[in-house]
Structures are given as structure tokens and as C-alpha cells.
Amino acid sequence: EKAKQKSAQQELKQRQRAEIYALNRVMTELEQQQFDA
């Protein structure tokens, strides 16, 4: 059970990190577009 919980926690962290990176990329692109405008 502990191993399953740890694995699930790691998967959650990886997913959250991927989402944060994706959001950061989108926000950087938006900022660049606004700066160009």
C-alpha cells in the first residue's frame, strides 16, 4: 500500500510538473505576443 501511495504521489507530481511547464510555455508565448503588439 505504501509503495502504491508513493507511486501515485510520484505520478501526481510528474503530471503537475508537466502541467506547470505547459502553462509556463503558453504564458511565455502570450507574453511575447503582447510585447510584440
PDB file of all heavy atoms in Angstrom:
ATOM      1  N   GLU A   1       0.834  -1.212   0.000  1.00  0.00           N
ATOM      2  CA  GLU A   1       0.000   0.000   0.000  1.00  0.00           C
ATOM      3  C   GLU A   1       0.864   1.256   0.000  1.00  0.00           C
ATOM      4  O   GLU A   1       0.587   2.201  -0.729  1.00  0.00           O
ATOM      5  CB  GLU A   1      -0.933   0.016   1.213  1.00  0.00           C
ATOM      6  CG  GLU A   1      -2.142  -0.870   1.069  1.00  0.00           C
ATOM      7  CD  GLU A   1      -3.039  -0.474  -0.088  1.00  0.00           C
ATOM      8  OE1 GLU A   1      -3.294   0.734  -0.268  1.00  0.00           O
ATOM      9  OE2 GLU A   1      -3.471  -1.369  -0.827  1.00  0.00           O
ATOM     10  N   LYS A   2       1.913   1.243   0.815  1.00  0.00           N
ATOM     11  CA  LYS A   2       2.813   2.396   0.869  1.00  0.00           C
ATOM     12  C   LYS A   2       3.492   2.597  -0.483  1.00  0.00           C
ATOM     13  O   LYS A   2       3.641   3.731  -0.943  1.00  0.00           O
ATOM     14  CB  LYS A   2       3.861   2.209   1.963  1.00  0.00           C
ATOM     15  CG  LYS A   2       3.330   2.423   3.362  1.00  0.00           C
ATOM     16  CD  LYS A   2       4.411   2.257   4.396  1.00  0.00           C
ATOM     17  CE  LYS A   2       3.850   2.396   5.802  1.00  0.00           C
ATOM     18  NZ  LYS A   2       4.870   2.205   6.838  1.00  0.00           N
ATOM     19  N   ALA A   3       3.886   1.501  -1.107  1.00  0.00           N
ATOM     20  CA  ALA A   3       4.529   1.585  -2.419  1.00  0.00           C
ATOM     21  C   ALA A   3       3.550   2.140  -3.450  1.00  0.00           C
ATOM     22  O   ALA A   3       3.923   2.970  -4.278  1.00  0.00           O
ATOM     23  CB  ALA A   3       5.037   0.212  -2.845  1.00  0.00           C
ATOM     24  N   LYS A   4       2.293   1.691  -3.382  1.00  0.00           N
ATOM     25  CA  LYS A   4       1.270   2.203  -4.308  1.00  0.00           C
ATOM     26  C   LYS A   4       1.042   3.694  -4.088  1.00  0.00           C
ATOM     27  O   LYS A   4       0.934   4.455  -5.039  1.00  0.00           O
ATOM     28  CB  LYS A   4      -0.055   1.453  -4.112  1.00  0.00           C
ATOM     29  CG  LYS A   4      -0.087   0.088  -4.739  1.00  0.00           C
ATOM     30  CD  LYS A   4      -1.449  -0.558  -4.530  1.00  0.00           C
ATOM     31  CE  LYS A   4      -1.519  -1.950  -5.111  1.00  0.00           C
ATOM     32  NZ  LYS A   4      -2.834  -2.565  -4.904  1.00  0.00           N
ATOM     33  N   GLN A   5       0.955   4.096  -2.822  1.00  0.00           N
ATOM     34  CA  GLN A   5       0.737   5.506  -2.498  1.00  0.00           C
ATOM     35  C   GLN A   5       1.910   6.354  -2.970  1.00  0.00           C
ATOM     36  O   GLN A   5       1.724   7.425  -3.527  1.00  0.00           O
ATOM     37  CB  GLN A   5       0.531   5.686  -0.994  1.00  0.00           C
ATOM     38  CG  GLN A   5      -0.810   5.199  -0.507  1.00  0.00           C
ATOM     39  CD  GLN A   5      -0.958   5.307   1.006  1.00  0.00           C
ATOM     40  OE1 GLN A   5      -0.003   5.650   1.708  1.00  0.00           O
ATOM     41  NE2 GLN A   5      -2.143   5.006   1.510  1.00  0.00           N
ATOM     42  N   LYS A   6       3.122   5.845  -2.755  1.00  0.00           N
ATOM     43  CA  LYS A   6       4.318   6.579  -3.173  1.00  0.00           C
ATOM     44  C   LYS A   6       4.351   6.700  -4.691  1.00  0.00           C
ATOM     45  O   LYS A   6       4.648   7.762  -5.237  1.00  0.00           O
ATOM     46  CB  LYS A   6       5.570   5.862  -2.672  1.00  0.00           C
ATOM     47  CG  LYS A   6       6.830   6.661  -2.855  1.00  0.00           C
ATOM     48  CD  LYS A   6       8.007   5.985  -2.196  1.00  0.00           C
ATOM     49  CE  LYS A   6       9.256   6.825  -2.338  1.00  0.00           C
ATOM     50  NZ  LYS A   6      10.404   6.231  -1.681  1.00  0.00           N
ATOM     51  N   SER A   7       4.004   5.626  -5.370  1.00  0.00           N
ATOM     52  CA  SER A   7       3.966   5.636  -6.829  1.00  0.00           C
ATOM     53  C   SER A   7       2.913   6.614  -7.331  1.00  0.00           C
ATOM     54  O   SER A   7       3.166   7.391  -8.261  1.00  0.00           O
ATOM     55  CB  SER A   7       3.671   4.229  -7.350  1.00  0.00           C
ATOM     56  OG  SER A   7       3.537   4.237  -8.746  1.00  0.00           O
ATOM     57  N   ALA A   8       1.749   6.599  -6.725  1.00  0.00           N
ATOM     58  CA  ALA A   8       0.675   7.518  -7.116  1.00  0.00           C
ATOM     59  C   ALA A   8       1.094   8.955  -6.853  1.00  0.00           C
ATOM     60  O   ALA A   8       0.828   9.848  -7.666  1.00  0.00           O
ATOM     61  CB  ALA A   8      -0.601   7.184  -6.346  1.00  0.00           C
ATOM     62  N   GLN A   9       1.777   9.189  -5.736  1.00  0.00           N
ATOM     63  CA  GLN A   9       2.250  10.532  -5.398  1.00  0.00           C
ATOM     64  C   GLN A   9       3.277  11.002  -6.430  1.00  0.00           C
ATOM     65  O   GLN A   9       3.247  12.151  -6.867  1.00  0.00           O
ATOM     66  CB  GLN A   9       2.869  10.517  -3.997  1.00  0.00           C
ATOM     67  CG  GLN A   9       3.136  11.889  -3.431  1.00  0.00           C
ATOM     68  CD  GLN A   9       1.867  12.622  -3.042  1.00  0.00           C
ATOM     69  OE1 GLN A   9       0.842  12.021  -2.816  1.00  0.00           O
ATOM     70  NE2 GLN A   9       1.942  13.920  -2.992  1.00  0.00           N
ATOM     71  N   GLN A  10       4.168  10.096  -6.844  1.00  0.00           N
ATOM     72  CA  GLN A  10       5.177  10.454  -7.846  1.00  0.00           C
ATOM     73  C   GLN A  10       4.519  10.759  -9.185  1.00  0.00           C
ATOM     74  O   GLN A  10       4.918  11.699  -9.874  1.00  0.00           O
ATOM     75  CB  GLN A  10       6.195   9.328  -8.004  1.00  0.00           C
ATOM     76  CG  GLN A  10       7.173   9.259  -6.846  1.00  0.00           C
ATOM     77  CD  GLN A  10       8.137   8.097  -6.960  1.00  0.00           C
ATOM     78  OE1 GLN A  10       7.858   7.101  -7.635  1.00  0.00           O
ATOM     79  NE2 GLN A  10       9.273   8.209  -6.307  1.00  0.00           N
ATOM     80  N   GLU A  11       3.526   9.963  -9.561  1.00  0.00           N
ATOM     81  CA  GLU A  11       2.809  10.208 -10.809  1.00  0.00           C
ATOM     82  C   GLU A  11       2.103  11.558 -10.771  1.00  0.00           C
ATOM     83  O   GLU A  11       2.116  12.304 -11.752  1.00  0.00           O
ATOM     84  CB  GLU A  11       1.790   9.098 -11.072  1.00  0.00           C
ATOM     85  CG  GLU A  11       2.404   7.793 -11.520  1.00  0.00           C
ATOM     86  CD  GLU A  11       1.366   6.696 -11.703  1.00  0.00           C
ATOM     87  OE1 GLU A  11       0.187   7.016 -11.969  1.00  0.00           O
ATOM     88  OE2 GLU A  11       1.736   5.516 -11.584  1.00  0.00           O
ATOM     89  N   LEU A  12       1.502  11.881  -9.628  1.00  0.00           N
ATOM     90  CA  LEU A  12       0.826  13.163  -9.468  1.00  0.00           C
ATOM     91  C   LEU A  12       1.823  14.313  -9.607  1.00  0.00           C
ATOM     92  O   LEU A  12       1.560  15.292 -10.308  1.00  0.00           O
ATOM     93  CB  LEU A  12       0.140  13.228  -8.104  1.00  0.00           C
ATOM     94  CG  LEU A  12      -0.580  14.530  -7.775  1.00  0.00           C
ATOM     95  CD1 LEU A  12      -1.739  14.771  -8.737  1.00  0.00           C
ATOM     96  CD2 LEU A  12      -1.079  14.505  -6.341  1.00  0.00           C
ATOM     97  N   LYS A  13       2.972  14.178  -8.964  1.00  0.00           N
ATOM     98  CA  LYS A  13       3.999  15.213  -9.050  1.00  0.00           C
ATOM     99  C   LYS A  13       4.475  15.389 -10.491  1.00  0.00           C
ATOM    100  O   LYS A  13       4.643  16.518 -10.957  1.00  0.00           O
ATOM    101  CB  LYS A  13       5.193  14.871  -8.155  1.00  0.00           C
ATOM    102  CG  LYS A  13       4.975  15.167  -6.703  1.00  0.00           C
ATOM    103  CD  LYS A  13       6.232  14.890  -5.908  1.00  0.00           C
ATOM    104  CE  LYS A  13       6.050  15.199  -4.450  1.00  0.00           C
ATOM    105  NZ  LYS A  13       7.272  14.958  -3.667  1.00  0.00           N
ATOM    106  N   GLN A  14       4.689  14.264 -11.187  1.00  0.00           N
ATOM    107  CA  GLN A  14       5.138  14.341 -12.577  1.00  0.00           C
ATOM    108  C   GLN A  14       4.090  15.022 -13.450  1.00  0.00           C
ATOM    109  O   GLN A  14       4.418  15.848 -14.298  1.00  0.00           O
ATOM    110  CB  GLN A  14       5.435  12.946 -13.130  1.00  0.00           C
ATOM    111  CG  GLN A  14       6.717  12.350 -12.589  1.00  0.00           C
ATOM    112  CD  GLN A  14       6.953  10.933 -13.071  1.00  0.00           C
ATOM    113  OE1 GLN A  14       6.031  10.246 -13.496  1.00  0.00           O
ATOM    114  NE2 GLN A  14       8.196  10.483 -13.007  1.00  0.00           N
ATOM    115  N   ARG A  15       2.828  14.673 -13.238  1.00  0.00           N
ATOM    116  CA  ARG A  15       1.747  15.271 -14.028  1.00  0.00           C
ATOM    117  C   ARG A  15       1.635  16.765 -13.742  1.00  0.00           C
ATOM    118  O   ARG A  15       1.493  17.576 -14.659  1.00  0.00           O
ATOM    119  CB  ARG A  15       0.423  14.570 -13.740  1.00  0.00           C
ATOM    120  CG  ARG A  15      -0.666  14.950 -14.738  1.00  0.00           C
ATOM    121  CD  ARG A  15      -1.979  14.386 -14.345  1.00  0.00           C
ATOM    122  NE  ARG A  15      -2.325  14.956 -13.037  1.00  0.00           N
ATOM    123  CZ  ARG A  15      -3.480  14.817 -12.442  1.00  0.00           C
ATOM    124  NH1 ARG A  15      -4.422  14.103 -12.981  1.00  0.00           N
ATOM    125  NH2 ARG A  15      -3.731  15.367 -11.268  1.00  0.00           N
ATOM    126  N   GLN A  16       1.717  17.125 -12.453  1.00  0.00           N
ATOM    127  CA  GLN A  16       1.644  18.529 -12.083  1.00  0.00           C
ATOM    128  C   GLN A  16       2.811  19.312 -12.674  1.00  0.00           C
ATOM    129  O   GLN A  16       2.635  20.424 -13.162  1.00  0.00           O
ATOM    130  CB  GLN A  16       1.640  18.685 -10.560  1.00  0.00           C
ATOM    131  CG  GLN A  16       0.318  18.300  -9.929  1.00  0.00           C
ATOM    132  CD  GLN A  16       0.356  18.376  -8.416  1.00  0.00           C
ATOM    133  OE1 GLN A  16       1.412  18.264  -7.799  1.00  0.00           O
ATOM    134  NE2 GLN A  16      -0.806  18.562  -7.804  1.00  0.00           N
ATOM    135  N   ARG A  17       3.997  18.708 -12.647  1.00  0.00           N
ATOM    136  CA  ARG A  17       5.162  19.378 -13.211  1.00  0.00           C
ATOM    137  C   ARG A  17       4.985  19.585 -14.713  1.00  0.00           C
ATOM    138  O   ARG A  17       5.282  20.665 -15.231  1.00  0.00           O
ATOM    139  CB  ARG A  17       6.421  18.559 -12.936  1.00  0.00           C
ATOM    140  CG  ARG A  17       7.681  19.179 -13.540  1.00  0.00           C
ATOM    141  CD  ARG A  17       8.897  18.432 -13.140  1.00  0.00           C
ATOM    142  NE  ARG A  17       9.213  18.759 -11.765  1.00  0.00           N
ATOM    143  CZ  ARG A  17      10.336  18.405 -11.151  1.00  0.00           C
ATOM    144  NH1 ARG A  17      11.231  17.685 -11.782  1.00  0.00           N
ATOM    145  NH2 ARG A  17      10.553  18.746  -9.913  1.00  0.00           N
ATOM    146  N   ALA A  18       4.478  18.572 -15.405  1.00  0.00           N
ATOM    147  CA  ALA A  18       4.233  18.688 -16.842  1.00  0.00           C
ATOM    148  C   ALA A  18       3.208  19.784 -17.129  1.00  0.00           C
ATOM    149  O   ALA A  18       3.364  20.565 -18.077  1.00  0.00           O
ATOM    150  CB  ALA A  18       3.767  17.356 -17.416  1.00  0.00           C
ATOM    151  N   GLU A  19       2.162  19.848 -16.306  1.00  0.00           N
ATOM    152  CA  GLU A  19       1.137  20.889 -16.479  1.00  0.00           C
ATOM    153  C   GLU A  19       1.726  22.275 -16.240  1.00  0.00           C
ATOM    154  O   GLU A  19       1.411  23.217 -16.965  1.00  0.00           O
ATOM    155  CB  GLU A  19      -0.034  20.636 -15.526  1.00  0.00           C
ATOM    156  CG  GLU A  19      -0.888  19.453 -15.914  1.00  0.00           C
ATOM    157  CD  GLU A  19      -1.974  19.135 -14.903  1.00  0.00           C
ATOM    158  OE1 GLU A  19      -2.089  19.850 -13.883  1.00  0.00           O
ATOM    159  OE2 GLU A  19      -2.722  18.167 -15.126  1.00  0.00           O
ATOM    160  N   ILE A  20       2.569  22.383 -15.239  1.00  0.00           N
ATOM    161  CA  ILE A  20       3.199  23.674 -14.939  1.00  0.00           C
ATOM    162  C   ILE A  20       4.095  24.105 -16.092  1.00  0.00           C
ATOM    163  O   ILE A  20       4.066  25.266 -16.503  1.00  0.00           O
ATOM    164  CB  ILE A  20       3.988  23.607 -13.616  1.00  0.00           C
ATOM    165  CG1 ILE A  20       3.014  23.529 -12.445  1.00  0.00           C
ATOM    166  CG2 ILE A  20       4.923  24.804 -13.465  1.00  0.00           C
ATOM    167  CD1 ILE A  20       3.658  23.188 -11.114  1.00  0.00           C
ATOM    168  N   TYR A  21       4.875  23.169 -16.630  1.00  0.00           N
ATOM    169  CA  TYR A  21       5.739  23.503 -17.760  1.00  0.00           C
ATOM    170  C   TYR A  21       4.920  23.920 -18.978  1.00  0.00           C
ATOM    171  O   TYR A  21       5.277  24.862 -19.676  1.00  0.00           O
ATOM    172  CB  TYR A  21       6.652  22.333 -18.129  1.00  0.00           C
ATOM    173  CG  TYR A  21       7.806  22.117 -17.165  1.00  0.00           C
ATOM    174  CD1 TYR A  21       8.312  20.848 -16.931  1.00  0.00           C
ATOM    175  CD2 TYR A  21       8.396  23.179 -16.486  1.00  0.00           C
ATOM    176  CE1 TYR A  21       9.380  20.641 -16.067  1.00  0.00           C
ATOM    177  CE2 TYR A  21       9.450  22.984 -15.611  1.00  0.00           C
ATOM    178  CZ  TYR A  21       9.947  21.720 -15.410  1.00  0.00           C
ATOM    179  OH  TYR A  21      10.990  21.522 -14.549  1.00  0.00           O
ATOM    180  N   ALA A  22       3.827  23.217 -19.218  1.00  0.00           N
ATOM    181  CA  ALA A  22       2.966  23.550 -20.355  1.00  0.00           C
ATOM    182  C   ALA A  22       2.356  24.938 -20.167  1.00  0.00           C
ATOM    183  O   ALA A  22       2.329  25.751 -21.100  1.00  0.00           O
ATOM    184  CB  ALA A  22       1.877  22.499 -20.523  1.00  0.00           C
ATOM    185  N   LEU A  23       1.879  25.215 -18.975  1.00  0.00           N
ATOM    186  CA  LEU A  23       1.297  26.527 -18.682  1.00  0.00           C
ATOM    187  C   LEU A  23       2.354  27.623 -18.817  1.00  0.00           C
ATOM    188  O   LEU A  23       2.093  28.688 -19.374  1.00  0.00           O
ATOM    189  CB  LEU A  23       0.711  26.538 -17.266  1.00  0.00           C
ATOM    190  CG  LEU A  23       0.047  27.841 -16.824  1.00  0.00           C
ATOM    191  CD1 LEU A  23      -1.121  28.200 -17.728  1.00  0.00           C
ATOM    192  CD2 LEU A  23      -0.408  27.726 -15.384  1.00  0.00           C
ATOM    193  N   ASN A  24       3.545  27.350 -18.337  1.00  0.00           N
ATOM    194  CA  ASN A  24       4.631  28.309 -18.435  1.00  0.00           C
ATOM    195  C   ASN A  24       4.952  28.616 -19.897  1.00  0.00           C
ATOM    196  O   ASN A  24       5.162  29.770 -20.265  1.00  0.00           O
ATOM    197  CB  ASN A  24       5.870  27.759 -17.723  1.00  0.00           C
ATOM    198  CG  ASN A  24       6.959  28.794 -17.585  1.00  0.00           C
ATOM    199  OD1 ASN A  24       6.694  29.990 -17.578  1.00  0.00           O
ATOM    200  ND2 ASN A  24       8.192  28.334 -17.493  1.00  0.00           N
ATOM    201  N   ARG A  25       4.951  27.587 -20.734  1.00  0.00           N
ATOM    202  CA  ARG A  25       5.222  27.763 -22.164  1.00  0.00           C
ATOM    203  C   ARG A  25       4.139  28.642 -22.810  1.00  0.00           C
ATOM    204  O   ARG A  25       4.444  29.579 -23.558  1.00  0.00           O
ATOM    205  CB  ARG A  25       5.295  26.383 -22.839  1.00  0.00           C
ATOM    206  CG  ARG A  25       5.843  26.387 -24.220  1.00  0.00           C
ATOM    207  CD  ARG A  25       6.219  24.983 -24.717  1.00  0.00           C
ATOM    208  NE  ARG A  25       5.346  23.912 -24.288  1.00  0.00           N
ATOM    209  CZ  ARG A  25       5.688  22.946 -23.429  1.00  0.00           C
ATOM    210  NH1 ARG A  25       6.887  22.911 -22.895  1.00  0.00           N
ATOM    211  NH2 ARG A  25       4.826  22.005 -23.104  1.00  0.00           N
ATOM    212  N   VAL A  26       2.878  28.352 -22.485  1.00  0.00           N
ATOM    213  CA  VAL A  26       1.758  29.119 -23.035  1.00  0.00           C
ATOM    214  C   VAL A  26       1.844  30.579 -22.580  1.00  0.00           C
ATOM    215  O   VAL A  26       1.673  31.500 -23.388  1.00  0.00           O
ATOM    216  CB  VAL A  26       0.404  28.496 -22.610  1.00  0.00           C
ATOM    217  CG1 VAL A  26      -0.753  29.425 -22.917  1.00  0.00           C
ATOM    218  CG2 VAL A  26       0.206  27.155 -23.293  1.00  0.00           C
ATOM    219  N   MET A  27       2.121  30.787 -21.305  1.00  0.00           N
ATOM    220  CA  MET A  27       2.200  32.150 -20.779  1.00  0.00           C
ATOM    221  C   MET A  27       3.374  32.912 -21.391  1.00  0.00           C
ATOM    222  O   MET A  27       3.274  34.111 -21.666  1.00  0.00           O
ATOM    223  CB  MET A  27       2.312  32.133 -19.245  1.00  0.00           C
ATOM    224  CG  MET A  27       1.069  31.602 -18.554  1.00  0.00           C
ATOM    225  SD  MET A  27      -0.425  32.545 -18.952  1.00  0.00           S
ATOM    226  CE  MET A  27      -0.094  34.047 -18.085  1.00  0.00           C
ATOM    227  N   THR A  28       4.481  32.234 -21.620  1.00  0.00           N
ATOM    228  CA  THR A  28       5.641  32.875 -22.247  1.00  0.00           C
ATOM    229  C   THR A  28       5.311  33.298 -23.673  1.00  0.00           C
ATOM    230  O   THR A  28       5.660  34.411 -24.092  1.00  0.00           O
ATOM    231  CB  THR A  28       6.851  31.916 -22.239  1.00  0.00           C
ATOM    232  OG1 THR A  28       7.131  31.546 -20.888  1.00  0.00           O
ATOM    233  CG2 THR A  28       8.077  32.558 -22.851  1.00  0.00           C
ATOM    234  N   GLU A  29       4.620  32.431 -24.399  1.00  0.00           N
ATOM    235  CA  GLU A  29       4.206  32.764 -25.768  1.00  0.00           C
ATOM    236  C   GLU A  29       3.250  33.964 -25.767  1.00  0.00           C
ATOM    237  O   GLU A  29       3.391  34.878 -26.580  1.00  0.00           O
ATOM    238  CB  GLU A  29       3.540  31.568 -26.444  1.00  0.00           C
ATOM    239  CG  GLU A  29       4.496  30.443 -26.776  1.00  0.00           C
ATOM    240  CD  GLU A  29       3.785  29.189 -27.273  1.00  0.00           C
ATOM    241  OE1 GLU A  29       2.558  29.227 -27.491  1.00  0.00           O
ATOM    242  OE2 GLU A  29       4.482  28.180 -27.441  1.00  0.00           O
ATOM    243  N   LEU A  30       2.302  33.961 -24.849  1.00  0.00           N
ATOM    244  CA  LEU A  30       1.348  35.063 -24.748  1.00  0.00           C
ATOM    245  C   LEU A  30       2.066  36.373 -24.419  1.00  0.00           C
ATOM    246  O   LEU A  30       1.798  37.415 -25.022  1.00  0.00           O
ATOM    247  CB  LEU A  30       0.293  34.758 -23.678  1.00  0.00           C
ATOM    248  CG  LEU A  30      -0.740  35.858 -23.411  1.00  0.00           C
ATOM    249  CD1 LEU A  30      -1.579  36.129 -24.671  1.00  0.00           C
ATOM    250  CD2 LEU A  30      -1.632  35.462 -22.254  1.00  0.00           C
ATOM    251  N   GLU A  31       2.990  36.296 -23.477  1.00  0.00           N
ATOM    252  CA  GLU A  31       3.749  37.488 -23.093  1.00  0.00           C
ATOM    253  C   GLU A  31       4.532  38.024 -24.297  1.00  0.00           C
ATOM    254  O   GLU A  31       4.579  39.244 -24.524  1.00  0.00           O
ATOM    255  CB  GLU A  31       4.699  37.143 -21.947  1.00  0.00           C
ATOM    256  CG  GLU A  31       5.458  38.330 -21.409  1.00  0.00           C
ATOM    257  CD  GLU A  31       6.388  37.961 -20.263  1.00  0.00           C
ATOM    258  OE1 GLU A  31       6.621  36.767 -20.025  1.00  0.00           O
ATOM    259  OE2 GLU A  31       6.888  38.895 -19.628  1.00  0.00           O
ATOM    260  N   GLN A  32       5.124  37.123 -25.061  1.00  0.00           N
ATOM    261  CA  GLN A  32       5.883  37.543 -26.245  1.00  0.00           C
ATOM    262  C   GLN A  32       4.962  38.209 -27.277  1.00  0.00           C
ATOM    263  O   GLN A  32       5.319  39.228 -27.870  1.00  0.00           O
ATOM    264  CB  GLN A  32       6.607  36.337 -26.860  1.00  0.00           C
ATOM    265  CG  GLN A  32       7.545  36.705 -28.002  1.00  0.00           C
ATOM    266  CD  GLN A  32       8.680  37.618 -27.549  1.00  0.00           C
ATOM    267  OE1 GLN A  32       9.297  37.382 -26.527  1.00  0.00           O
ATOM    268  NE2 GLN A  32       8.945  38.662 -28.317  1.00  0.00           N
ATOM    269  N   GLN A  33       3.778  37.623 -27.487  1.00  0.00           N
ATOM    270  CA  GLN A  33       2.820  38.199 -28.437  1.00  0.00           C
ATOM    271  C   GLN A  33       2.403  39.607 -27.981  1.00  0.00           C
ATOM    272  O   GLN A  33       2.336  40.537 -28.786  1.00  0.00           O
ATOM    273  CB  GLN A  33       1.585  37.319 -28.568  1.00  0.00           C
ATOM    274  CG  GLN A  33       1.829  36.018 -29.305  1.00  0.00           C
ATOM    275  CD  GLN A  33       0.614  35.085 -29.233  1.00  0.00           C
ATOM    276  OE1 GLN A  33      -0.410  35.420 -28.631  1.00  0.00           O
ATOM    277  NE2 GLN A  33       0.732  33.908 -29.827  1.00  0.00           N
ATOM    278  N   GLN A  34       2.121  39.738 -26.699  1.00  0.00           N
ATOM    279  CA  GLN A  34       1.714  41.047 -26.179  1.00  0.00           C
ATOM    280  C   GLN A  34       2.852  42.060 -26.281  1.00  0.00           C
ATOM    281  O   GLN A  34       2.628  43.235 -26.601  1.00  0.00           O
ATOM    282  CB  GLN A  34       1.233  40.914 -24.730  1.00  0.00           C
ATOM    283  CG  GLN A  34      -0.091  40.190 -24.617  1.00  0.00           C
ATOM    284  CD  GLN A  34      -0.537  39.989 -23.178  1.00  0.00           C
ATOM    285  OE1 GLN A  34       0.270  40.070 -22.248  1.00  0.00           O
ATOM    286  NE2 GLN A  34      -1.811  39.709 -22.982  1.00  0.00           N
ATOM    287  N   PHE A  35       4.055  41.616 -26.048  1.00  0.00           N
ATOM    288  CA  PHE A  35       5.204  42.512 -26.152  1.00  0.00           C
ATOM    289  C   PHE A  35       5.406  42.961 -27.601  1.00  0.00           C
ATOM    290  O   PHE A  35       5.667  44.146 -27.859  1.00  0.00           O
ATOM    291  CB  PHE A  35       6.464  41.818 -25.625  1.00  0.00           C
ATOM    292  CG  PHE A  35       7.700  42.667 -25.706  1.00  0.00           C
ATOM    293  CD1 PHE A  35       7.846  43.776 -24.880  1.00  0.00           C
ATOM    294  CD2 PHE A  35       8.701  42.369 -26.599  1.00  0.00           C
ATOM    295  CE1 PHE A  35       8.983  44.571 -24.949  1.00  0.00           C
ATOM    296  CE2 PHE A  35       9.842  43.151 -26.686  1.00  0.00           C
ATOM    297  CZ  PHE A  35       9.990  44.255 -25.858  1.00  0.00           C
ATOM    298  N   ASP A  36       5.272  42.010 -28.542  1.00  0.00           N
ATOM    299  CA  ASP A  36       5.389  42.357 -29.958  1.00  0.00           C
ATOM    300  C   ASP A  36       4.320  43.381 -30.356  1.00  0.00           C
ATOM    301  O   ASP A  36       4.611  44.349 -31.061  1.00  0.00           O
ATOM    302  CB  ASP A  36       5.284  41.105 -30.838  1.00  0.00           C
ATOM    303  CG  ASP A  36       6.496  40.188 -30.691  1.00  0.00           C
ATOM    304  OD1 ASP A  36       7.553  40.646 -30.188  1.00  0.00           O
ATOM    305  OD2 ASP A  36       6.378  39.001 -31.077  1.00  0.00           O
ATOM    306  N   ALA A  37       3.088  43.162 -29.898  1.00  0.00           N
ATOM    307  CA  ALA A  37       1.999  44.088 -30.200  1.00  0.00           C
ATOM    308  C   ALA A  37       2.291  45.459 -29.591  1.00  0.00           C
ATOM    309  O   ALA A  37       2.072  46.494 -30.235  1.00  0.00           O
ATOM    310  CB  ALA A  37       0.681  43.538 -29.663  1.00  0.00           C
TER     311      ALA A  37
END
